[in-house]
Protein backbone atom coordinates (compact mmCIF):
# COMPACT_ATOMS: atom_id res chain seq x y z
CA MET A 1 -20.69 -68.87 13.22
CA GLY A 2 -22.55 -67.46 10.03
CA VAL A 3 -23.08 -69.52 6.97
CA VAL A 4 -21.75 -68.00 4.00
CA ILE A 5 -23.58 -68.34 0.81
CA GLU A 6 -21.65 -67.70 -2.54
CA SER A 7 -23.93 -66.17 -5.06
CA PHE A 8 -24.00 -67.62 -8.71
CA ILE A 9 -24.63 -65.52 -11.79
CA TRP A 10 -26.01 -67.76 -14.38
CA GLU A 11 -24.87 -66.77 -17.92
CA PRO A 12 -25.22 -69.02 -21.32
CA SER A 13 -22.24 -70.90 -22.21
CA SER A 14 -19.90 -69.99 -24.96
CA SER A 15 -20.89 -72.95 -27.03
CA PHE A 16 -24.34 -71.17 -27.45
CA PHE A 17 -22.59 -68.40 -29.41
CA ILE A 18 -20.20 -70.59 -31.26
CA PHE A 19 -23.34 -72.76 -32.34
CA PHE A 20 -25.05 -69.76 -33.65
CA PHE A 21 -22.08 -68.54 -35.61
CA VAL A 22 -21.08 -71.82 -37.21
CA SER A 23 -24.51 -72.56 -37.85
CA THR A 24 -25.44 -69.40 -39.45
CA PHE A 25 -22.45 -69.40 -41.68
CA LEU A 26 -22.72 -72.74 -43.00
CA SER A 27 -26.46 -72.12 -43.88
CA ILE A 28 -25.34 -68.81 -45.88
CA PHE A 29 -22.28 -70.28 -47.47
CA LEU A 30 -23.52 -73.71 -48.44
CA LEU A 31 -26.64 -72.60 -49.85
CA PRO A 32 -25.27 -72.07 -53.36
CA TYR A 33 -23.56 -75.33 -53.55
CA PHE A 34 -26.82 -77.01 -52.76
CA THR A 35 -28.69 -75.22 -55.54
CA LYS A 36 -28.46 -75.75 -59.32
CA ASN A 37 -28.37 -72.80 -61.79
CA ARG A 38 -28.72 -70.34 -59.14
CA THR A 39 -26.61 -67.32 -58.28
CA PHE A 40 -27.23 -65.70 -55.12
CA GLY A 41 -26.95 -61.63 -53.87
CA ILE A 42 -25.98 -58.75 -55.52
CA PHE A 43 -23.76 -60.79 -57.88
CA ASP A 44 -26.62 -62.16 -59.84
CA HIS A 45 -26.17 -60.56 -63.34
CA SER A 46 -29.94 -61.02 -63.96
CA VAL A 47 -30.58 -58.03 -61.92
CA SER A 48 -30.38 -54.70 -63.26
CA PHE A 49 -27.71 -52.34 -62.35
CA SER A 50 -30.07 -49.71 -61.21
CA PHE A 51 -32.00 -52.12 -58.85
CA ALA A 52 -28.64 -53.58 -57.57
CA ARG A 53 -27.56 -50.02 -56.54
CA PHE A 54 -30.79 -49.32 -54.99
CA GLN A 55 -30.63 -52.67 -52.97
CA ARG A 56 -27.33 -51.81 -51.63
CA TRP A 57 -28.42 -48.31 -50.75
CA PHE A 58 -31.68 -49.66 -49.24
CA LEU A 59 -29.94 -52.47 -47.12
CA ALA A 60 -27.37 -49.87 -45.97
CA ILE A 61 -30.16 -47.49 -44.91
CA TYR A 62 -32.07 -50.13 -43.16
CA THR A 63 -29.00 -51.37 -41.35
CA LEU A 64 -28.67 -47.64 -39.97
CA SER A 65 -32.24 -47.64 -38.96
CA SER A 66 -31.89 -50.93 -37.33
CA VAL A 67 -28.97 -49.79 -35.21
CA MET A 68 -30.95 -46.75 -34.29
CA GLU A 69 -33.65 -49.21 -32.94
CA GLY A 70 -31.21 -51.18 -30.88
CA LEU A 71 -29.54 -48.22 -29.30
CA TRP A 72 -32.64 -47.15 -27.35
CA SER A 73 -34.13 -50.80 -26.94
CA VAL A 74 -31.07 -51.76 -24.74
CA TYR A 75 -31.83 -49.15 -22.04
CA GLY A 76 -35.41 -49.94 -21.42
CA GLU A 77 -36.39 -49.84 -17.66
CA LEU A 78 -32.74 -48.93 -16.69
CA GLU A 79 -33.07 -45.57 -18.54
CA LEU A 80 -36.40 -44.86 -16.73
CA THR A 81 -35.03 -45.70 -13.40
CA SER A 82 -32.13 -43.55 -13.84
CA TYR A 83 -34.72 -40.87 -14.02
CA GLY A 84 -36.25 -42.08 -10.76
CA ILE A 85 -39.44 -42.84 -12.32
CA SER A 86 -41.49 -45.32 -10.63
CA LYS A 87 -42.83 -48.87 -11.77
CA GLU A 88 -46.33 -47.38 -12.20
CA SER A 89 -45.20 -44.43 -14.34
CA MET A 90 -43.34 -46.89 -16.63
CA VAL A 91 -46.51 -48.80 -17.17
CA PHE A 92 -48.10 -45.50 -18.01
CA TYR A 93 -45.46 -44.37 -20.49
CA LEU A 94 -45.91 -47.98 -22.22
CA CYS A 95 -49.68 -47.46 -22.27
CA VAL A 96 -49.09 -44.13 -23.70
CA GLY A 97 -46.74 -45.63 -26.60
CA TYR A 98 -49.32 -48.34 -27.29
CA SER A 99 -52.24 -45.82 -27.23
CA THR A 100 -50.26 -43.70 -29.92
CA SER A 101 -49.66 -46.62 -31.89
CA LEU A 102 -53.38 -47.56 -31.72
CA VAL A 103 -54.62 -44.40 -32.82
CA LEU A 104 -52.10 -43.21 -35.40
CA GLY A 105 -50.75 -46.40 -36.79
CA PRO A 106 -53.65 -46.80 -39.49
CA LEU A 107 -53.22 -43.10 -40.50
CA LEU A 108 -49.25 -43.38 -40.88
CA GLY A 109 -49.89 -46.50 -43.19
CA VAL A 110 -52.40 -44.92 -45.31
CA LEU A 111 -50.16 -41.68 -45.38
CA SER A 112 -47.06 -43.70 -46.47
CA ASP A 113 -49.26 -45.17 -49.66
CA LEU A 114 -50.44 -41.47 -50.52
CA ILE A 115 -47.21 -39.65 -50.13
CA GLY A 116 -44.62 -42.27 -51.00
CA GLN A 117 -42.58 -44.69 -48.86
CA LYS A 118 -39.52 -42.75 -49.39
CA ARG A 119 -40.72 -39.83 -47.42
CA ILE A 120 -42.40 -41.88 -44.60
CA CYS A 121 -38.90 -43.59 -44.21
CA LEU A 122 -37.56 -39.95 -44.16
CA LEU A 123 -39.89 -39.38 -41.31
CA TYR A 124 -38.60 -42.46 -39.51
CA CYS A 125 -35.15 -40.72 -39.27
CA VAL A 126 -36.51 -37.44 -38.55
CA LEU A 127 -38.41 -38.78 -35.35
CA HIS A 128 -35.03 -40.45 -34.20
CA PHE A 129 -33.28 -37.06 -34.71
CA VAL A 130 -35.77 -35.21 -32.91
CA VAL A 131 -35.53 -37.77 -29.97
CA GLY A 132 -31.61 -37.51 -29.96
CA VAL A 133 -31.70 -33.67 -29.75
CA TRP A 134 -34.48 -33.63 -27.02
CA LYS A 135 -32.55 -36.15 -24.90
CA ARG A 136 -29.52 -33.93 -25.43
CA ILE A 137 -31.22 -31.03 -24.25
CA THR A 138 -33.19 -32.42 -21.28
CA MET A 139 -33.27 -35.57 -19.54
CA SER A 140 -36.14 -36.63 -17.07
CA PRO A 141 -38.95 -34.58 -18.62
CA SER A 142 -38.24 -36.23 -22.18
CA ALA A 143 -39.35 -39.68 -21.09
CA TRP A 144 -43.01 -39.01 -22.12
CA PHE A 145 -42.21 -37.15 -25.30
CA ALA A 146 -39.49 -39.66 -26.34
CA ASN A 147 -42.05 -42.53 -25.81
CA VAL A 148 -44.56 -41.23 -28.20
CA CYS A 149 -41.99 -40.46 -30.73
CA MET A 150 -40.50 -43.77 -30.62
CA SER A 151 -43.78 -45.28 -30.81
CA LEU A 152 -44.43 -43.44 -33.92
CA ALA A 153 -40.81 -44.47 -35.16
CA GLY A 154 -41.50 -48.13 -34.64
CA LEU A 155 -44.76 -48.09 -36.47
CA VAL A 156 -42.99 -46.49 -39.67
CA TYR A 157 -40.14 -48.98 -39.27
CA SER A 158 -42.74 -52.18 -39.40
CA PHE A 159 -44.03 -51.25 -42.88
CA GLY A 160 -42.29 -48.32 -44.33
CA PHE A 161 -39.14 -49.68 -45.39
CA GLU A 162 -40.59 -53.01 -46.60
CA THR A 163 -43.19 -51.08 -48.68
CA TRP A 164 -40.47 -48.89 -50.08
CA LEU A 165 -38.50 -52.13 -51.23
CA VAL A 166 -41.72 -53.77 -53.08
CA VAL A 167 -42.68 -50.68 -54.76
CA GLU A 168 -39.12 -49.87 -56.36
CA HIS A 169 -39.01 -53.57 -57.04
CA GLU A 170 -42.06 -53.47 -58.90
CA LYS A 171 -41.25 -50.42 -60.77
CA GLN A 172 -38.23 -51.72 -62.16
CA SER A 173 -40.09 -55.20 -63.13
CA GLN A 174 -37.51 -57.36 -61.39
CA ARG A 175 -37.55 -61.15 -60.68
CA ASN A 176 -38.85 -62.71 -57.44
CA ASP A 177 -35.44 -64.00 -56.59
CA SER A 178 -34.22 -60.50 -55.66
CA LEU A 179 -36.84 -59.41 -53.52
CA ASN A 180 -36.95 -63.02 -51.70
CA GLU A 181 -33.34 -62.37 -51.07
CA THR A 182 -33.97 -58.80 -49.72
CA PHE A 183 -36.76 -60.08 -47.37
CA TRP A 184 -34.40 -62.35 -45.59
CA LEU A 185 -31.37 -60.05 -45.48
CA MET A 186 -33.80 -57.58 -43.97
CA THR A 187 -34.41 -59.96 -41.01
CA PHE A 188 -30.89 -60.98 -40.83
CA LEU A 189 -29.56 -57.32 -40.85
CA GLU A 190 -32.09 -56.23 -38.48
CA SER A 191 -30.98 -58.69 -35.79
CA ALA A 192 -27.25 -58.22 -36.44
CA SER A 193 -27.82 -54.42 -36.01
CA LEU A 194 -29.68 -54.92 -33.12
CA ILE A 195 -26.65 -56.94 -31.43
CA GLY A 196 -24.51 -53.91 -32.80
CA GLY A 197 -26.55 -51.42 -31.03
CA GLN A 198 -26.22 -53.31 -27.78
CA VAL A 199 -22.45 -53.43 -28.23
CA ILE A 200 -22.24 -49.65 -28.98
CA THR A 201 -24.58 -48.85 -26.11
CA ASN A 202 -22.82 -50.95 -23.50
CA TRP A 203 -19.48 -49.38 -24.79
CA LEU A 204 -20.83 -45.81 -24.24
CA VAL A 205 -22.39 -46.33 -21.03
CA ASP A 206 -18.97 -47.29 -19.14
CA GLY A 207 -20.43 -47.46 -15.66
CA ASN A 208 -22.27 -44.25 -15.98
CA VAL A 209 -25.89 -44.55 -17.07
CA GLU A 210 -26.69 -40.87 -17.62
CA HIS A 211 -23.43 -40.34 -19.34
CA GLY A 212 -24.18 -43.23 -21.55
CA ILE A 213 -27.68 -42.19 -22.50
CA ALA A 214 -26.16 -38.76 -23.61
CA LEU A 215 -23.64 -40.33 -25.89
CA SER A 216 -26.17 -42.74 -27.00
CA ALA A 217 -28.36 -39.64 -27.88
CA THR A 218 -25.32 -38.02 -29.87
CA ALA A 219 -24.85 -41.42 -31.84
CA SER A 220 -28.48 -41.62 -32.69
CA LEU A 221 -28.22 -38.12 -34.05
CA LEU A 222 -25.16 -38.88 -36.16
CA PHE A 223 -26.91 -42.24 -37.46
CA SER A 224 -30.27 -40.24 -38.37
CA VAL A 225 -28.29 -37.58 -40.32
CA VAL A 226 -26.31 -40.07 -42.25
CA ALA A 227 -29.56 -42.15 -42.83
CA ILE A 228 -31.26 -39.08 -44.17
CA ILE A 229 -28.49 -38.39 -46.47
CA CYS A 230 -28.49 -41.71 -47.82
CA ILE A 231 -32.21 -41.73 -48.49
CA VAL A 232 -31.99 -38.31 -50.20
CA GLN A 233 -29.19 -39.84 -52.35
CA THR A 234 -31.32 -42.54 -53.77
CA ALA A 235 -33.60 -42.21 -56.78
CA LYS A 236 -36.19 -39.26 -56.86
CA GLU A 237 -39.64 -40.72 -55.98
CA PRO A 238 -42.57 -38.79 -57.54
CA LEU A 239 -45.22 -37.47 -55.60
CA LYS A 240 -48.48 -39.81 -55.29
CA THR A 241 -51.12 -38.44 -57.57
CA LEU A 242 -53.71 -41.24 -56.65
CA PRO A 243 -56.81 -39.29 -55.24
CA PHE A 244 -58.04 -40.26 -51.60
CA ARG A 245 -61.45 -41.34 -52.90
CA ASP A 246 -59.88 -43.56 -55.45
CA TYR A 247 -57.32 -45.09 -52.63
CA SER A 248 -60.24 -45.73 -50.29
CA ALA A 249 -62.27 -47.57 -53.03
CA ALA A 250 -59.36 -49.58 -53.94
CA PHE A 251 -58.65 -50.49 -50.19
CA TYR A 252 -62.07 -51.62 -49.71
CA ALA A 253 -62.31 -53.71 -52.71
CA TYR A 254 -58.85 -55.19 -52.34
CA VAL A 255 -58.22 -55.39 -48.41
CA LEU A 256 -61.45 -54.97 -46.24
CA VAL A 257 -63.67 -57.52 -48.19
CA ASP A 258 -61.21 -60.14 -49.09
CA LYS A 259 -61.21 -62.85 -46.46
CA ARG A 260 -57.69 -63.85 -47.66
CA ILE A 261 -56.38 -60.42 -46.46
CA TRP A 262 -58.07 -60.96 -43.25
CA PHE A 263 -56.38 -64.30 -42.51
CA LEU A 264 -52.95 -62.87 -43.41
CA GLY A 265 -53.59 -59.85 -41.35
CA THR A 266 -54.75 -61.75 -38.41
CA SER A 267 -51.72 -64.01 -38.54
CA GLN A 268 -49.39 -60.98 -38.46
CA ALA A 269 -51.45 -59.04 -35.48
CA CYS A 270 -51.18 -62.41 -33.39
CA LEU A 271 -47.24 -62.91 -34.26
CA GLN A 272 -46.94 -59.04 -33.41
CA PHE A 273 -48.81 -59.56 -30.10
CA SER A 274 -46.92 -62.73 -28.86
CA THR A 275 -43.55 -60.89 -29.95
CA ALA A 276 -44.66 -57.77 -27.72
CA VAL A 277 -45.56 -60.25 -24.73
CA PHE A 278 -42.22 -61.84 -25.07
CA TRP A 279 -40.04 -58.79 -24.82
CA ILE A 280 -42.20 -57.33 -21.81
CA LEU A 281 -42.06 -60.57 -19.63
CA TRP A 282 -38.89 -62.49 -20.81
CA ALA A 283 -36.81 -61.03 -18.37
CA PRO A 284 -39.20 -61.38 -15.32
CA THR A 285 -39.72 -64.81 -16.38
CA ILE A 286 -36.13 -65.65 -16.13
CA VAL A 287 -35.14 -63.90 -13.11
CA ALA A 288 -38.03 -65.17 -11.25
CA ASP A 289 -37.67 -66.21 -7.37
CA GLY A 290 -34.63 -63.82 -7.22
CA ARG A 291 -32.26 -65.56 -9.30
CA GLU A 292 -29.26 -63.70 -10.66
CA VAL A 293 -28.97 -63.91 -14.38
CA ASN A 294 -26.78 -62.10 -17.04
CA LEU A 295 -29.33 -60.77 -19.19
CA GLY A 296 -26.97 -58.96 -21.34
CA LEU A 297 -25.47 -62.29 -22.59
CA ILE A 298 -28.85 -63.86 -23.04
CA TYR A 299 -30.11 -61.08 -25.20
CA PRO A 300 -27.49 -61.88 -28.11
CA CYS A 301 -28.60 -65.34 -28.01
CA PHE A 302 -32.16 -64.33 -28.91
CA LEU A 303 -31.00 -62.36 -31.98
CA GLY A 304 -28.41 -65.02 -33.00
CA SER A 305 -31.36 -67.53 -33.18
CA ARG A 306 -33.40 -65.06 -35.23
CA MET A 307 -30.51 -64.67 -37.55
CA LEU A 308 -30.03 -68.39 -38.08
CA GLY A 309 -33.91 -68.58 -38.64
CA SER A 310 -33.81 -66.11 -41.27
CA THR A 311 -31.08 -68.10 -43.27
CA VAL A 312 -33.67 -70.95 -43.72
CA PHE A 313 -35.78 -68.97 -45.85
CA PRO A 314 -33.74 -69.01 -49.22
CA TRP A 315 -33.47 -72.90 -48.63
CA LEU A 316 -37.26 -73.03 -49.06
CA MET A 317 -37.34 -70.72 -51.78
CA THR A 318 -34.96 -72.91 -54.10
CA GLY A 319 -38.05 -74.76 -55.26
CA GLN A 320 -36.75 -78.00 -53.71
CA SER A 321 -38.99 -77.85 -50.74
CA LEU A 322 -42.03 -80.01 -50.78
CA LEU A 323 -43.78 -77.50 -48.71
CA ARG A 324 -45.88 -74.50 -49.81
CA LEU A 325 -45.39 -70.99 -47.93
CA GLU A 326 -48.58 -71.16 -46.06
CA ASP A 327 -47.76 -75.10 -44.95
CA CYS A 328 -44.48 -73.80 -43.29
CA LEU A 329 -46.23 -71.04 -41.61
CA VAL A 330 -48.81 -73.41 -40.18
CA TYR A 331 -46.20 -75.45 -38.63
CA ILE A 332 -44.12 -72.65 -37.30
CA TYR A 333 -46.89 -70.86 -35.62
CA ALA A 334 -48.02 -74.44 -34.14
CA ILE A 335 -44.33 -74.54 -32.88
CA LEU A 336 -44.42 -71.04 -31.49
CA GLY A 337 -47.83 -71.65 -29.58
CA ILE A 338 -46.41 -74.97 -27.98
CA VAL A 339 -43.36 -72.84 -26.80
CA PHE A 340 -45.34 -70.22 -25.20
CA SER A 341 -47.86 -72.73 -23.75
CA ILE A 342 -44.78 -74.59 -21.95
CA VAL A 343 -43.75 -71.28 -20.65
CA ALA A 344 -47.16 -70.42 -19.39
CA TYR A 345 -47.33 -73.53 -17.58
CA ASP A 346 -44.82 -71.67 -15.38
CA TYR A 347 -41.68 -73.90 -16.32
CA GLN A 348 -38.76 -72.37 -14.28
CA GLU A 349 -35.55 -74.28 -15.29
CA ILE A 350 -33.20 -71.29 -16.60
CA ARG A 351 -31.69 -73.38 -19.43
CA ILE A 352 -34.66 -74.71 -20.81
CA LEU A 353 -36.40 -71.32 -20.69
CA VAL A 354 -33.45 -69.89 -22.60
CA VAL A 355 -33.69 -72.81 -25.34
CA LEU A 356 -37.22 -72.16 -25.47
CA PHE A 357 -37.15 -68.40 -26.07
CA CYS A 358 -34.09 -69.12 -28.84
CA LEU A 359 -36.52 -71.55 -30.51
CA PHE A 360 -39.08 -68.76 -30.36
CA HIS A 361 -36.90 -66.26 -32.12
CA GLY A 362 -35.36 -68.78 -34.48
CA CYS A 363 -38.99 -69.59 -35.84
CA ALA A 364 -39.96 -66.01 -35.79
CA GLY A 365 -36.76 -65.16 -37.91
CA LEU A 366 -38.05 -67.69 -40.58
CA ALA A 367 -41.82 -66.48 -40.24
CA LEU A 368 -40.99 -62.84 -40.81
CA PRO A 369 -39.69 -63.14 -44.51
CA LEU A 370 -42.36 -65.75 -45.04
CA LEU A 371 -45.08 -63.43 -44.06
CA ALA A 372 -43.43 -60.67 -46.08
CA ARG A 373 -43.50 -63.11 -49.11
CA LEU A 374 -47.04 -63.68 -48.48
CA ARG A 375 -48.00 -60.08 -48.29
CA THR A 376 -46.33 -59.71 -51.88
CA MET A 377 -48.32 -62.53 -53.18
CA TYR A 378 -51.84 -61.31 -51.89
CA VAL A 379 -51.71 -57.34 -51.23
CA PRO A 380 -51.33 -54.89 -53.88
CA ASN A 381 -48.15 -52.84 -53.41
CA GLU A 382 -50.13 -49.55 -53.70
CA LEU A 383 -52.23 -50.95 -50.47
CA ARG A 384 -49.36 -52.60 -48.72
CA GLY A 385 -48.49 -49.96 -45.94
CA GLY A 386 -52.24 -49.33 -45.10
CA MET A 387 -52.92 -53.02 -44.84
CA ILE A 388 -49.86 -53.69 -42.53
CA SER A 389 -50.54 -50.92 -40.27
CA LEU A 390 -54.44 -51.88 -40.19
CA SER A 391 -53.13 -55.31 -39.01
CA GLN A 392 -51.45 -54.10 -36.25
CA LEU A 393 -54.49 -52.33 -34.81
CA PRO A 394 -55.93 -55.39 -32.95
CA ALA A 395 -52.23 -56.46 -31.72
CA ASN A 396 -51.79 -52.89 -30.26
CA ALA A 397 -55.34 -53.00 -28.60
CA ALA A 398 -54.53 -56.41 -26.99
CA ILE A 399 -51.18 -55.43 -25.78
CA LEU A 400 -52.98 -52.24 -24.19
CA PHE A 401 -55.50 -54.20 -22.42
CA CYS A 402 -52.97 -56.62 -21.24
CA LEU A 403 -50.73 -53.86 -19.93
CA ILE A 404 -53.68 -52.12 -17.95
CA GLN A 405 -55.15 -55.43 -16.61
CA ARG A 406 -51.47 -56.60 -15.42
CA GLY A 407 -49.82 -53.24 -14.48
CA TYR A 408 -52.75 -51.45 -13.06
CA SER A 409 -55.67 -53.51 -11.81
CA LYS A 410 -53.32 -56.75 -11.37
CA LYS A 411 -56.18 -58.93 -12.47
CA ILE A 412 -54.00 -61.32 -14.59
CA GLU A 413 -50.53 -62.81 -13.82
CA ASN A 414 -47.34 -63.04 -16.09
CA SER A 415 -48.51 -66.82 -16.95
CA THR A 416 -51.85 -65.60 -18.17
CA MET A 417 -50.42 -63.03 -20.70
CA MET A 418 -48.17 -65.93 -21.82
CA ALA A 419 -51.26 -67.96 -22.30
CA PHE A 420 -52.83 -65.29 -24.22
CA GLY A 421 -49.86 -65.15 -26.40
CA ALA A 422 -49.96 -68.99 -26.96
CA ILE A 423 -53.73 -68.81 -27.78
CA SER A 424 -52.98 -65.96 -30.39
CA LEU A 425 -50.22 -68.12 -32.00
CA PHE A 426 -52.60 -71.09 -32.25
CA ILE A 427 -55.04 -68.92 -33.87
CA ALA A 428 -52.62 -67.57 -36.36
CA SER A 429 -51.97 -71.13 -37.52
CA GLY A 430 -55.40 -71.69 -37.85
CA CYS A 431 -55.62 -68.54 -40.17
CA ILE A 432 -52.77 -69.56 -42.38
CA TYR A 433 -54.28 -73.12 -42.86
CA LEU A 434 -57.76 -71.29 -43.94
CA LEU A 435 -55.63 -68.94 -46.13
CA ARG A 436 -53.94 -72.22 -47.75
CA ARG A 437 -57.27 -73.69 -48.48
CA TRP A 438 -59.24 -70.52 -49.73
CA GLY A 439 -56.24 -68.56 -51.15
CA LYS A 440 -54.87 -68.80 -54.68
CA SER A 441 -52.13 -70.69 -55.92
CA PRO A 442 -48.81 -69.39 -54.88
CA HIS A 443 -47.93 -69.26 -58.53
CA GLN A 444 -50.71 -67.09 -59.51
CA ASP A 445 -49.68 -63.77 -57.75
CA TRP A 446 -51.30 -60.47 -58.19
CA HIS A 447 -48.06 -58.65 -59.13
CA LYS A 448 -45.52 -60.11 -61.68
CA LEU A 449 -42.52 -59.19 -59.63
């Protein structure tokens, strides 16, 4: 007589979601009561009407853009598998995407500084529009072309919107507070929009992947058109008149020869590299040894923890914190490095892995607005796009190296990639520590924002 073994599909408890929702709610709505003489959000009367209007438009555009990112990030390997593409071809497409970022990334950053950030954000929407049209016209042959376009769109997304915000903020001579609030709201809304993108995608799939991809392409088309209209409706942006020679001289003087910018850029690259390693390996790590796991319910936990982490940022900016921004980042990077070290040690308990990954995203959600604030302190706004894109160069090169060594040569294991991520995070912690020692005081910014 045969023995029947019941399969068990692990999924996070509902208490996970309740915890993230309640904690995030309390963190946001209790903040004004614990801060004296402080008004938050768009109801702050010290913010000019024109900037408050721009802030609302900007956050709406950024939310739409994040939803477009979330629509395609959900499919991943499932979409390529539906085309009948092999594992080796998937690795090749990933390598093509990161190679595109490696070559064109710095050029796009410089281009955004020269032609204006509003135009580069329009390029982001146009790229999503092109991908949507292409996926509606053809399916399997679109994988290579769509991957290149999405890589370019991801590059623009990483620096274009933030640079557009700070330039507009400086143009209207607003206070620091309104900019700080927008930084953490960007991280918060990005995470919420990625969850929304997952919800929309799952609703559109409805058991048929190919049909769902076609409907997602239509949704991406609509969102991109709405985003383009919203960007055009914002205030007109004058064409940049700074000659390339003057820009090059300023970039060399204020970015390339400034050791503080190198420390800050290295820390950004390390976080980007470790985050990319996480998104590549989190699913294989959790489903190791053939375990059945509901990954679709774990994914929102990561984004929920990042939303919660982003809400800690305004608490640090109230002036009541005893730690400087650099001190906070030193500890955050150290915690992230410890998390990756534990995972690299080949820890296999699912619950502990999920908790560790949620801790990673919670700390990353706090680190992102902190890094944006440090960029505002140390990087001239006119050079911000070029600096951010240049800092991504070593991260993209390292990711490409790991993909080739793991995907093609099979010379390294997943745990080795996790170990590389842990080492990079400890290096980032050291860079921020050196930035704190050698950098100027936080109260002596280059820009009076």
